[in-house]
């Protein structure tokens, strides 16, 4: 019984994590989305599930991102956060 509960909790946490990932990268290009989700620890398969693409597409994009970074080219421009006035 406890094992079944643990499995259900794990499944729900996985859904929440995926939803948070989707919210975090909404409105960005696919390459930007892949870079951000990878940077926060998502595996290519998980990124593919969140973005509705294949793990191979994600891996190819990650190779391009790493290659660009290695050669000093910044392939991704992340949006800047607006300072909050309090």
PDB file of N, CA and C in Angstrom:
ATOM      1  N   UNK A   1       0.829  -1.197   0.000  1.00  0.00           N
ATOM      2  CA  UNK A   1       0.000   0.000   0.000  1.00  0.00           C
ATOM      3  C   UNK A   1       0.876   1.264   0.000  1.00  0.00           C
ATOM      4  N   UNK A   2       1.899   1.277   0.835  1.00  0.00           N
ATOM      5  CA  UNK A   2       2.773   2.449   0.905  1.00  0.00           C
ATOM      6  C   UNK A   2       3.507   2.635  -0.419  1.00  0.00           C
ATOM      7  N   UNK A   3       3.899   1.545  -1.046  1.00  0.00           N
ATOM      8  CA  UNK A   3       4.614   1.613  -2.330  1.00  0.00           C
ATOM      9  C   UNK A   3       3.708   2.218  -3.405  1.00  0.00           C
ATOM     10  N   UNK A   4       2.446   1.828  -3.420  1.00  0.00           N
ATOM     11  CA  UNK A   4       1.481   2.366  -4.391  1.00  0.00           C
ATOM     12  C   UNK A   4       1.302   3.873  -4.178  1.00  0.00           C
ATOM     13  N   UNK A   5       1.249   4.290  -2.939  1.00  0.00           N
ATOM     14  CA  UNK A   5       1.128   5.716  -2.620  1.00  0.00           C
ATOM     15  C   UNK A   5       2.355   6.472  -3.113  1.00  0.00           C
ATOM     16  N   UNK A   6       3.544   5.906  -2.863  1.00  0.00           N
ATOM     17  CA  UNK A   6       4.782   6.540  -3.307  1.00  0.00           C
ATOM     18  C   UNK A   6       4.818   6.707  -4.819  1.00  0.00           C
ATOM     19  N   UNK A   7       4.363   5.694  -5.529  1.00  0.00           N
ATOM     20  CA  UNK A   7       4.336   5.754  -6.998  1.00  0.00           C
ATOM     21  C   UNK A   7       3.392   6.858  -7.457  1.00  0.00           C
ATOM     22  N   UNK A   8       2.218   6.959  -6.849  1.00  0.00           N
ATOM     23  CA  UNK A   8       1.259   8.005  -7.235  1.00  0.00           C
ATOM     24  C   UNK A   8       1.814   9.400  -6.945  1.00  0.00           C
ATOM     25  N   UNK A   9       2.459   9.563  -5.809  1.00  0.00           N
ATOM     26  CA  UNK A   9       3.050  10.854  -5.463  1.00  0.00           C
ATOM     27  C   UNK A   9       4.148  11.202  -6.465  1.00  0.00           C
ATOM     28  N   UNK A  10       4.975  10.232  -6.809  1.00  0.00           N
ATOM     29  CA  UNK A  10       6.046  10.466  -7.777  1.00  0.00           C
ATOM     30  C   UNK A  10       5.485  10.866  -9.147  1.00  0.00           C
ATOM     31  N   UNK A  11       4.419  10.220  -9.581  1.00  0.00           N
ATOM     32  CA  UNK A  11       3.788  10.560 -10.856  1.00  0.00           C
ATOM     33  C   UNK A  11       3.243  11.982 -10.834  1.00  0.00           C
ATOM     34  N   UNK A  12       2.617  12.376  -9.737  1.00  0.00           N
ATOM     35  CA  UNK A  12       2.075  13.735  -9.634  1.00  0.00           C
ATOM     36  C   UNK A  12       3.176  14.774  -9.603  1.00  0.00           C
ATOM     37  N   UNK A  13       4.261  14.493  -8.898  1.00  0.00           N
ATOM     38  CA  UNK A  13       5.386  15.421  -8.867  1.00  0.00           C
ATOM     39  C   UNK A  13       6.014  15.556 -10.251  1.00  0.00           C
ATOM     40  N   UNK A  14       6.070  14.461 -10.986  1.00  0.00           N
ATOM     41  CA  UNK A  14       6.600  14.495 -12.344  1.00  0.00           C
ATOM     42  C   UNK A  14       5.737  15.396 -13.229  1.00  0.00           C
ATOM     43  N   UNK A  15       4.426  15.295 -13.108  1.00  0.00           N
ATOM     44  CA  UNK A  15       3.518  16.169 -13.878  1.00  0.00           C
ATOM     45  C   UNK A  15       3.727  17.634 -13.522  1.00  0.00           C
ATOM     46  N   UNK A  16       3.858  17.908 -12.246  1.00  0.00           N
ATOM     47  CA  UNK A  16       4.074  19.288 -11.797  1.00  0.00           C
ATOM     48  C   UNK A  16       5.379  19.833 -12.360  1.00  0.00           C
ATOM     49  N   UNK A  17       6.429  19.024 -12.320  1.00  0.00           N
ATOM     50  CA  UNK A  17       7.720  19.442 -12.850  1.00  0.00           C
ATOM     51  C   UNK A  17       7.621  19.758 -14.335  1.00  0.00           C
ATOM     52  N   UNK A  18       6.925  18.928 -15.085  1.00  0.00           N
ATOM     53  CA  UNK A  18       6.748  19.168 -16.522  1.00  0.00           C
ATOM     54  C   UNK A  18       5.961  20.449 -16.775  1.00  0.00           C
ATOM     55  N   UNK A  19       4.915  20.665 -16.009  1.00  0.00           N
ATOM     56  CA  UNK A  19       4.127  21.895 -16.167  1.00  0.00           C
ATOM     57  C   UNK A  19       4.957  23.133 -15.855  1.00  0.00           C
ATOM     58  N   UNK A  20       5.744  23.075 -14.800  1.00  0.00           N
ATOM     59  CA  UNK A  20       6.607  24.210 -14.458  1.00  0.00           C
ATOM     60  C   UNK A  20       7.627  24.459 -15.570  1.00  0.00           C
ATOM     61  N   UNK A  21       8.146  23.391 -16.148  1.00  0.00           N
ATOM     62  CA  UNK A  21       9.068  23.534 -17.266  1.00  0.00           C
ATOM     63  C   UNK A  21       8.410  24.214 -18.446  1.00  0.00           C
ATOM     64  N   UNK A  22       7.181  23.828 -18.746  1.00  0.00           N
ATOM     65  CA  UNK A  22       6.445  24.430 -19.865  1.00  0.00           C
ATOM     66  C   UNK A  22       6.193  25.913 -19.612  1.00  0.00           C
ATOM     67  N   UNK A  23       5.823  26.247 -18.397  1.00  0.00           N
ATOM     68  CA  UNK A  23       5.545  27.640 -18.053  1.00  0.00           C
ATOM     69  C   UNK A  23       6.826  28.471 -18.135  1.00  0.00           C
ATOM     70  N   UNK A  24       7.927  27.912 -17.669  1.00  0.00           N
ATOM     71  CA  UNK A  24       9.194  28.652 -17.616  1.00  0.00           C
ATOM     72  C   UNK A  24       9.718  29.039 -18.985  1.00  0.00           C
ATOM     73  N   UNK A  25       9.408  28.239 -20.012  1.00  0.00           N
ATOM     74  CA  UNK A  25       9.993  28.498 -21.333  1.00  0.00           C
ATOM     75  C   UNK A  25       8.960  28.969 -22.357  1.00  0.00           C
ATOM     76  N   UNK A  26       7.775  29.246 -21.900  1.00  0.00           N
ATOM     77  CA  UNK A  26       6.718  29.681 -22.812  1.00  0.00           C
ATOM     78  C   UNK A  26       7.125  30.962 -23.540  1.00  0.00           C
ATOM     79  N   UNK A  27       6.915  30.983 -24.843  1.00  0.00           N
ATOM     80  CA  UNK A  27       7.182  32.176 -25.631  1.00  0.00           C
ATOM     81  C   UNK A  27       8.607  32.286 -26.153  1.00  0.00           C
ATOM     82  N   UNK A  28       9.465  31.335 -25.799  1.00  0.00           N
ATOM     83  CA  UNK A  28      10.848  31.355 -26.279  1.00  0.00           C
ATOM     84  C   UNK A  28      10.984  30.452 -27.494  1.00  0.00           C
ATOM     85  N   UNK A  29      12.060  30.617 -28.233  1.00  0.00           N
ATOM     86  CA  UNK A  29      12.304  29.729 -29.375  1.00  0.00           C
ATOM     87  C   UNK A  29      12.605  28.322 -28.857  1.00  0.00           C
ATOM     88  N   UNK A  30      12.479  27.339 -29.734  1.00  0.00           N
ATOM     89  CA  UNK A  30      12.724  25.962 -29.316  1.00  0.00           C
ATOM     90  C   UNK A  30      14.161  25.786 -28.815  1.00  0.00           C
ATOM     91  N   UNK A  31      15.100  26.422 -29.468  1.00  0.00           N
ATOM     92  CA  UNK A  31      16.495  26.309 -29.044  1.00  0.00           C
ATOM     93  C   UNK A  31      16.679  26.908 -27.649  1.00  0.00           C
ATOM     94  N   UNK A  32      16.072  28.041 -27.403  1.00  0.00           N
ATOM     95  CA  UNK A  32      16.146  28.658 -26.080  1.00  0.00           C
ATOM     96  C   UNK A  32      15.491  27.769 -25.031  1.00  0.00           C
ATOM     97  N   UNK A  33      14.351  27.193 -25.377  1.00  0.00           N
ATOM     98  CA  UNK A  33      13.653  26.306 -24.457  1.00  0.00           C
ATOM     99  C   UNK A  33      14.531  25.111 -24.095  1.00  0.00           C
ATOM    100  N   UNK A  34      15.154  24.517 -25.111  1.00  0.00           N
ATOM    101  CA  UNK A  34      16.007  23.355 -24.888  1.00  0.00           C
ATOM    102  C   UNK A  34      17.186  23.724 -24.003  1.00  0.00           C
ATOM    103  N   UNK A  35      17.819  24.849 -24.284  1.00  0.00           N
ATOM    104  CA  UNK A  35      18.983  25.272 -23.508  1.00  0.00           C
ATOM    105  C   UNK A  35      18.615  25.490 -22.042  1.00  0.00           C
ATOM    106  N   UNK A  36      17.517  26.148 -21.794  1.00  0.00           N
ATOM    107  CA  UNK A  36      17.106  26.443 -20.416  1.00  0.00           C
ATOM    108  C   UNK A  36      16.740  25.173 -19.673  1.00  0.00           C
ATOM    109  N   UNK A  37      15.927  24.316 -20.301  1.00  0.00           N
ATOM    110  CA  UNK A  37      15.513  23.091 -19.625  1.00  0.00           C
ATOM    111  C   UNK A  37      16.702  22.172 -19.371  1.00  0.00           C
ATOM    112  N   UNK A  38      17.640  22.139 -20.289  1.00  0.00           N
ATOM    113  CA  UNK A  38      18.839  21.332 -20.079  1.00  0.00           C
ATOM    114  C   UNK A  38      19.663  21.904 -18.933  1.00  0.00           C
ATOM    115  N   UNK A  39      19.784  23.217 -18.899  1.00  0.00           N
ATOM    116  CA  UNK A  39      20.572  23.881 -17.866  1.00  0.00           C
ATOM    117  C   UNK A  39      20.024  23.615 -16.468  1.00  0.00           C
ATOM    118  N   UNK A  40      18.717  23.439 -16.338  1.00  0.00           N
ATOM    119  CA  UNK A  40      18.137  23.197 -15.013  1.00  0.00           C
ATOM    120  C   UNK A  40      18.005  21.707 -14.696  1.00  0.00           C
ATOM    121  N   UNK A  41      18.557  20.850 -15.573  1.00  0.00           N
ATOM    122  CA  UNK A  41      18.641  19.442 -15.223  1.00  0.00           C
ATOM    123  C   UNK A  41      17.721  18.484 -15.939  1.00  0.00           C
ATOM    124  N   UNK A  42      16.914  18.962 -16.879  1.00  0.00           N
ATOM    125  CA  UNK A  42      16.061  18.057 -17.630  1.00  0.00           C
ATOM    126  C   UNK A  42      16.915  17.223 -18.580  1.00  0.00           C
ATOM    127  N   UNK A  43      16.613  15.952 -18.725  1.00  0.00           N
ATOM    128  CA  UNK A  43      17.277  15.084 -19.691  1.00  0.00           C
ATOM    129  C   UNK A  43      16.647  15.292 -21.067  1.00  0.00           C
ATOM    130  N   UNK A  44      17.373  14.956 -22.152  1.00  0.00           N
ATOM    131  CA  UNK A  44      16.805  15.146 -23.495  1.00  0.00           C
ATOM    132  C   UNK A  44      15.419  14.511 -23.677  1.00  0.00           C
ATOM    133  N   UNK A  45      15.211  13.324 -23.125  1.00  0.00           N
ATOM    134  CA  UNK A  45      13.906  12.676 -23.256  1.00  0.00           C
ATOM    135  C   UNK A  45      12.822  13.497 -22.563  1.00  0.00           C
ATOM    136  N   UNK A  46      13.135  14.020 -21.387  1.00  0.00           N
ATOM    137  CA  UNK A  46      12.171  14.830 -20.644  1.00  0.00           C
ATOM    138  C   UNK A  46      11.890  16.150 -21.355  1.00  0.00           C
ATOM    139  N   UNK A  47      12.930  16.759 -21.903  1.00  0.00           N
ATOM    140  CA  UNK A  47      12.755  17.999 -22.667  1.00  0.00           C
ATOM    141  C   UNK A  47      11.864  17.733 -23.871  1.00  0.00           C
ATOM    142  N   UNK A  48      12.110  16.628 -24.556  1.00  0.00           N
ATOM    143  CA  UNK A  48      11.304  16.260 -25.721  1.00  0.00           C
ATOM    144  C   UNK A  48       9.840  16.086 -25.333  1.00  0.00           C
ATOM    145  N   UNK A  49       9.585  15.453 -24.197  1.00  0.00           N
ATOM    146  CA  UNK A  49       8.202  15.270 -23.737  1.00  0.00           C
ATOM    147  C   UNK A  49       7.533  16.609 -23.462  1.00  0.00           C
ATOM    148  N   UNK A  50       8.251  17.524 -22.822  1.00  0.00           N
ATOM    149  CA  UNK A  50       7.694  18.840 -22.494  1.00  0.00           C
ATOM    150  C   UNK A  50       7.398  19.640 -23.760  1.00  0.00           C
ATOM    151  N   UNK A  51       8.316  19.577 -24.739  1.00  0.00           N
ATOM    152  CA  UNK A  51       8.192  20.406 -25.939  1.00  0.00           C
ATOM    153  C   UNK A  51       7.428  19.730 -27.072  1.00  0.00           C
ATOM    154  N   UNK A  52       7.126  18.455 -26.925  1.00  0.00           N
ATOM    155  CA  UNK A  52       6.386  17.761 -27.976  1.00  0.00           C
ATOM    156  C   UNK A  52       7.239  17.481 -29.198  1.00  0.00           C
ATOM    157  N   UNK A  53       8.486  17.114 -28.976  1.00  0.00           N
ATOM    158  CA  UNK A  53       9.393  16.791 -30.070  1.00  0.00           C
ATOM    159  C   UNK A  53      10.093  15.485 -29.734  1.00  0.00           C
ATOM    160  N   UNK A  54      11.127  15.141 -30.473  1.00  0.00           N
ATOM    161  CA  UNK A  54      11.834  13.891 -30.204  1.00  0.00           C
ATOM    162  C   UNK A  54      13.101  14.154 -29.402  1.00  0.00           C
ATOM    163  N   UNK A  55      13.551  13.126 -28.697  1.00  0.00           N
ATOM    164  CA  UNK A  55      14.790  13.239 -27.936  1.00  0.00           C
ATOM    165  C   UNK A  55      15.967  13.484 -28.878  1.00  0.00           C
ATOM    166  N   UNK A  56      15.908  12.920 -30.082  1.00  0.00           N
ATOM    167  CA  UNK A  56      16.990  13.141 -31.045  1.00  0.00           C
ATOM    168  C   UNK A  56      17.064  14.611 -31.454  1.00  0.00           C
ATOM    169  N   UNK A  57      15.931  15.246 -31.682  1.00  0.00           N
ATOM    170  CA  UNK A  57      15.904  16.671 -32.018  1.00  0.00           C
ATOM    171  C   UNK A  57      16.546  17.485 -30.899  1.00  0.00           C
ATOM    172  N   UNK A  58      16.233  17.122 -29.670  1.00  0.00           N
ATOM    173  CA  UNK A  58      16.797  17.826 -28.512  1.00  0.00           C
ATOM    174  C   UNK A  58      18.305  17.622 -28.462  1.00  0.00           C
ATOM    175  N   UNK A  59      18.768  16.391 -28.653  1.00  0.00           N
ATOM    176  CA  UNK A  59      20.206  16.125 -28.609  1.00  0.00           C
ATOM    177  C   UNK A  59      20.956  16.895 -29.694  1.00  0.00           C
ATOM    178  N   UNK A  60      20.384  16.946 -30.895  1.00  0.00           N
ATOM    179  CA  UNK A  60      21.017  17.697 -31.989  1.00  0.00           C
ATOM    180  C   UNK A  60      21.111  19.178 -31.633  1.00  0.00           C
ATOM    181  N   UNK A  61      20.042  19.723 -31.064  1.00  0.00           N
ATOM    182  CA  UNK A  61      20.052  21.135 -30.663  1.00  0.00           C
ATOM    183  C   UNK A  61      21.100  21.376 -29.576  1.00  0.00           C
ATOM    184  N   UNK A  62      21.215  20.453 -28.635  1.00  0.00           N
ATOM    185  CA  UNK A  62      22.198  20.618 -27.562  1.00  0.00           C
ATOM    186  C   UNK A  62      23.625  20.595 -28.105  1.00  0.00           C
ATOM    187  N   UNK A  63      23.880  19.756 -29.095  1.00  0.00           N
ATOM    188  CA  UNK A  63      25.207  19.735 -29.724  1.00  0.00           C
ATOM    189  C   UNK A  63      25.492  21.099 -30.354  1.00  0.00           C
ATOM    190  N   UNK A  64      24.520  21.654 -31.057  1.00  0.00           N
ATOM    191  CA  UNK A  64      24.687  22.974 -31.671  1.00  0.00           C
ATOM    192  C   UNK A  64      24.911  24.061 -30.640  1.00  0.00           C
ATOM    193  N   UNK A  65      24.198  23.990 -29.542  1.00  0.00           N
ATOM    194  CA  UNK A  65      24.331  24.975 -28.464  1.00  0.00           C
ATOM    195  C   UNK A  65      25.726  24.886 -27.853  1.00  0.00           C
ATOM    196  N   UNK A  66      26.174  23.665 -27.572  1.00  0.00           N
ATOM    197  CA  UNK A  66      27.506  23.477 -26.985  1.00  0.00           C
ATOM    198  C   UNK A  66      28.611  23.898 -27.946  1.00  0.00           C
ATOM    199  N   UNK A  67      28.430  23.563 -29.205  1.00  0.00           N
ATOM    200  CA  UNK A  67      29.426  23.929 -30.226  1.00  0.00           C
ATOM    201  C   UNK A  67      29.543  25.452 -30.333  1.00  0.00           C
ATOM    202  N   UNK A  68      28.403  26.132 -30.339  1.00  0.00           N
ATOM    203  CA  UNK A  68      28.409  27.593 -30.419  1.00  0.00           C
ATOM    204  C   UNK A  68      29.094  28.199 -29.193  1.00  0.00           C
ATOM    205  N   UNK A  69      28.827  27.642 -28.026  1.00  0.00           N
ATOM    206  CA  UNK A  69      29.449  28.147 -26.800  1.00  0.00           C
ATOM    207  C   UNK A  69      30.955  27.906 -26.812  1.00  0.00           C
ATOM    208  N   UNK A  70      31.358  26.763 -27.333  1.00  0.00           N
ATOM    209  CA  UNK A  70      32.782  26.426 -27.391  1.00  0.00           C
ATOM    210  C   UNK A  70      33.553  27.395 -28.283  1.00  0.00           C
ATOM    211  N   UNK A  71      32.915  27.851 -29.345  1.00  0.00           N
ATOM    212  CA  UNK A  71      33.571  28.753 -30.292  1.00  0.00           C
ATOM    213  C   UNK A  71      33.322  30.218 -29.964  1.00  0.00           C
ATOM    214  N   UNK A  72      32.800  30.465 -28.776  1.00  0.00           N
ATOM    215  CA  UNK A  72      32.621  31.837 -28.321  1.00  0.00           C
ATOM    216  C   UNK A  72      31.421  32.546 -28.910  1.00  0.00           C
ATOM    217  N   UNK A  73      30.593  31.828 -29.631  1.00  0.00           N
ATOM    218  CA  UNK A  73      29.375  32.444 -30.181  1.00  0.00           C
ATOM    219  C   UNK A  73      28.238  32.126 -29.242  1.00  0.00           C
ATOM    220  N   UNK A  74      27.529  33.130 -28.902  1.00  0.00           N
ATOM    221  CA  UNK A  74      26.360  32.897 -28.066  1.00  0.00           C
ATOM    222  C   UNK A  74      25.172  32.704 -28.974  1.00  0.00           C
ATOM    223  N   UNK A  75      24.704  31.499 -29.060  1.00  0.00           N
ATOM    224  CA  UNK A  75      23.613  31.164 -29.960  1.00  0.00           C
ATOM    225  C   UNK A  75      22.261  31.560 -29.387  1.00  0.00           C
ATOM    226  N   UNK A  76      22.212  31.714 -28.081  1.00  0.00           N
ATOM    227  CA  UNK A  76      20.939  31.970 -27.420  1.00  0.00           C
ATOM    228  C   UNK A  76      20.973  33.314 -26.727  1.00  0.00           C
ATOM    229  N   UNK A  77      19.966  34.093 -26.964  1.00  0.00           N
ATOM    230  CA  UNK A  77      19.797  35.360 -26.266  1.00  0.00           C
ATOM    231  C   UNK A  77      18.593  35.206 -25.350  1.00  0.00           C
ATOM    232  N   UNK A  78      18.855  35.214 -24.078  1.00  0.00           N
ATOM    233  CA  UNK A  78      17.770  35.042 -23.122  1.00  0.00           C
ATOM    234  C   UNK A  78      17.139  36.390 -22.819  1.00  0.00           C
ATOM    235  N   UNK A  79      15.824  36.410 -22.621  1.00  0.00           N
ATOM    236  CA  UNK A  79      15.163  37.671 -22.318  1.00  0.00           C
ATOM    237  C   UNK A  79      15.624  38.180 -20.956  1.00  0.00           C
ATOM    238  N   UNK A  80      15.749  39.483 -20.867  1.00  0.00           N
ATOM    239  CA  UNK A  80      16.143  40.080 -19.587  1.00  0.00           C
ATOM    240  C   UNK A  80      14.913  40.317 -18.742  1.00  0.00           C
ATOM    241  N   UNK A  81      15.111  40.158 -17.442  1.00  0.00           N
ATOM    242  CA  UNK A  81      14.000  40.418 -16.529  1.00  0.00           C
ATOM    243  C   UNK A  81      13.911  41.917 -16.291  1.00  0.00           C
ATOM    244  N   UNK A  82      12.703  42.405 -16.259  1.00  0.00           N
ATOM    245  CA  UNK A  82      12.468  43.807 -15.962  1.00  0.00           C
ATOM    246  C   UNK A  82      12.631  44.032 -14.461  1.00  0.00           C
ATOM    247  N   UNK A  83      13.358  45.077 -14.057  1.00  0.00           N
ATOM    248  CA  UNK A  83      13.471  45.365 -12.616  1.00  0.00           C
ATOM    249  C   UNK A  83      12.096  45.718 -12.061  1.00  0.00           C
ATOM    250  N   UNK A  84      11.838  45.212 -10.889  1.00  0.00           N
ATOM    251  CA  UNK A  84      10.536  45.483 -10.272  1.00  0.00           C
ATOM    252  C   UNK A  84      10.651  46.729  -9.402  1.00  0.00           C
ATOM    253  N   UNK A  85       9.735  47.644  -9.618  1.00  0.00           N
ATOM    254  CA  UNK A  85       9.679  48.852  -8.797  1.00  0.00           C
ATOM    255  C   UNK A  85       8.792  48.579  -7.611  1.00  0.00           C
ATOM    256  N   UNK A  86       9.329  48.810  -6.438  1.00  0.00           N
ATOM    257  CA  UNK A  86       8.516  48.555  -5.241  1.00  0.00           C
ATOM    258  C   UNK A  86       8.143  49.835  -4.569  1.00  0.00           C
TER     259      UNK A  86
END
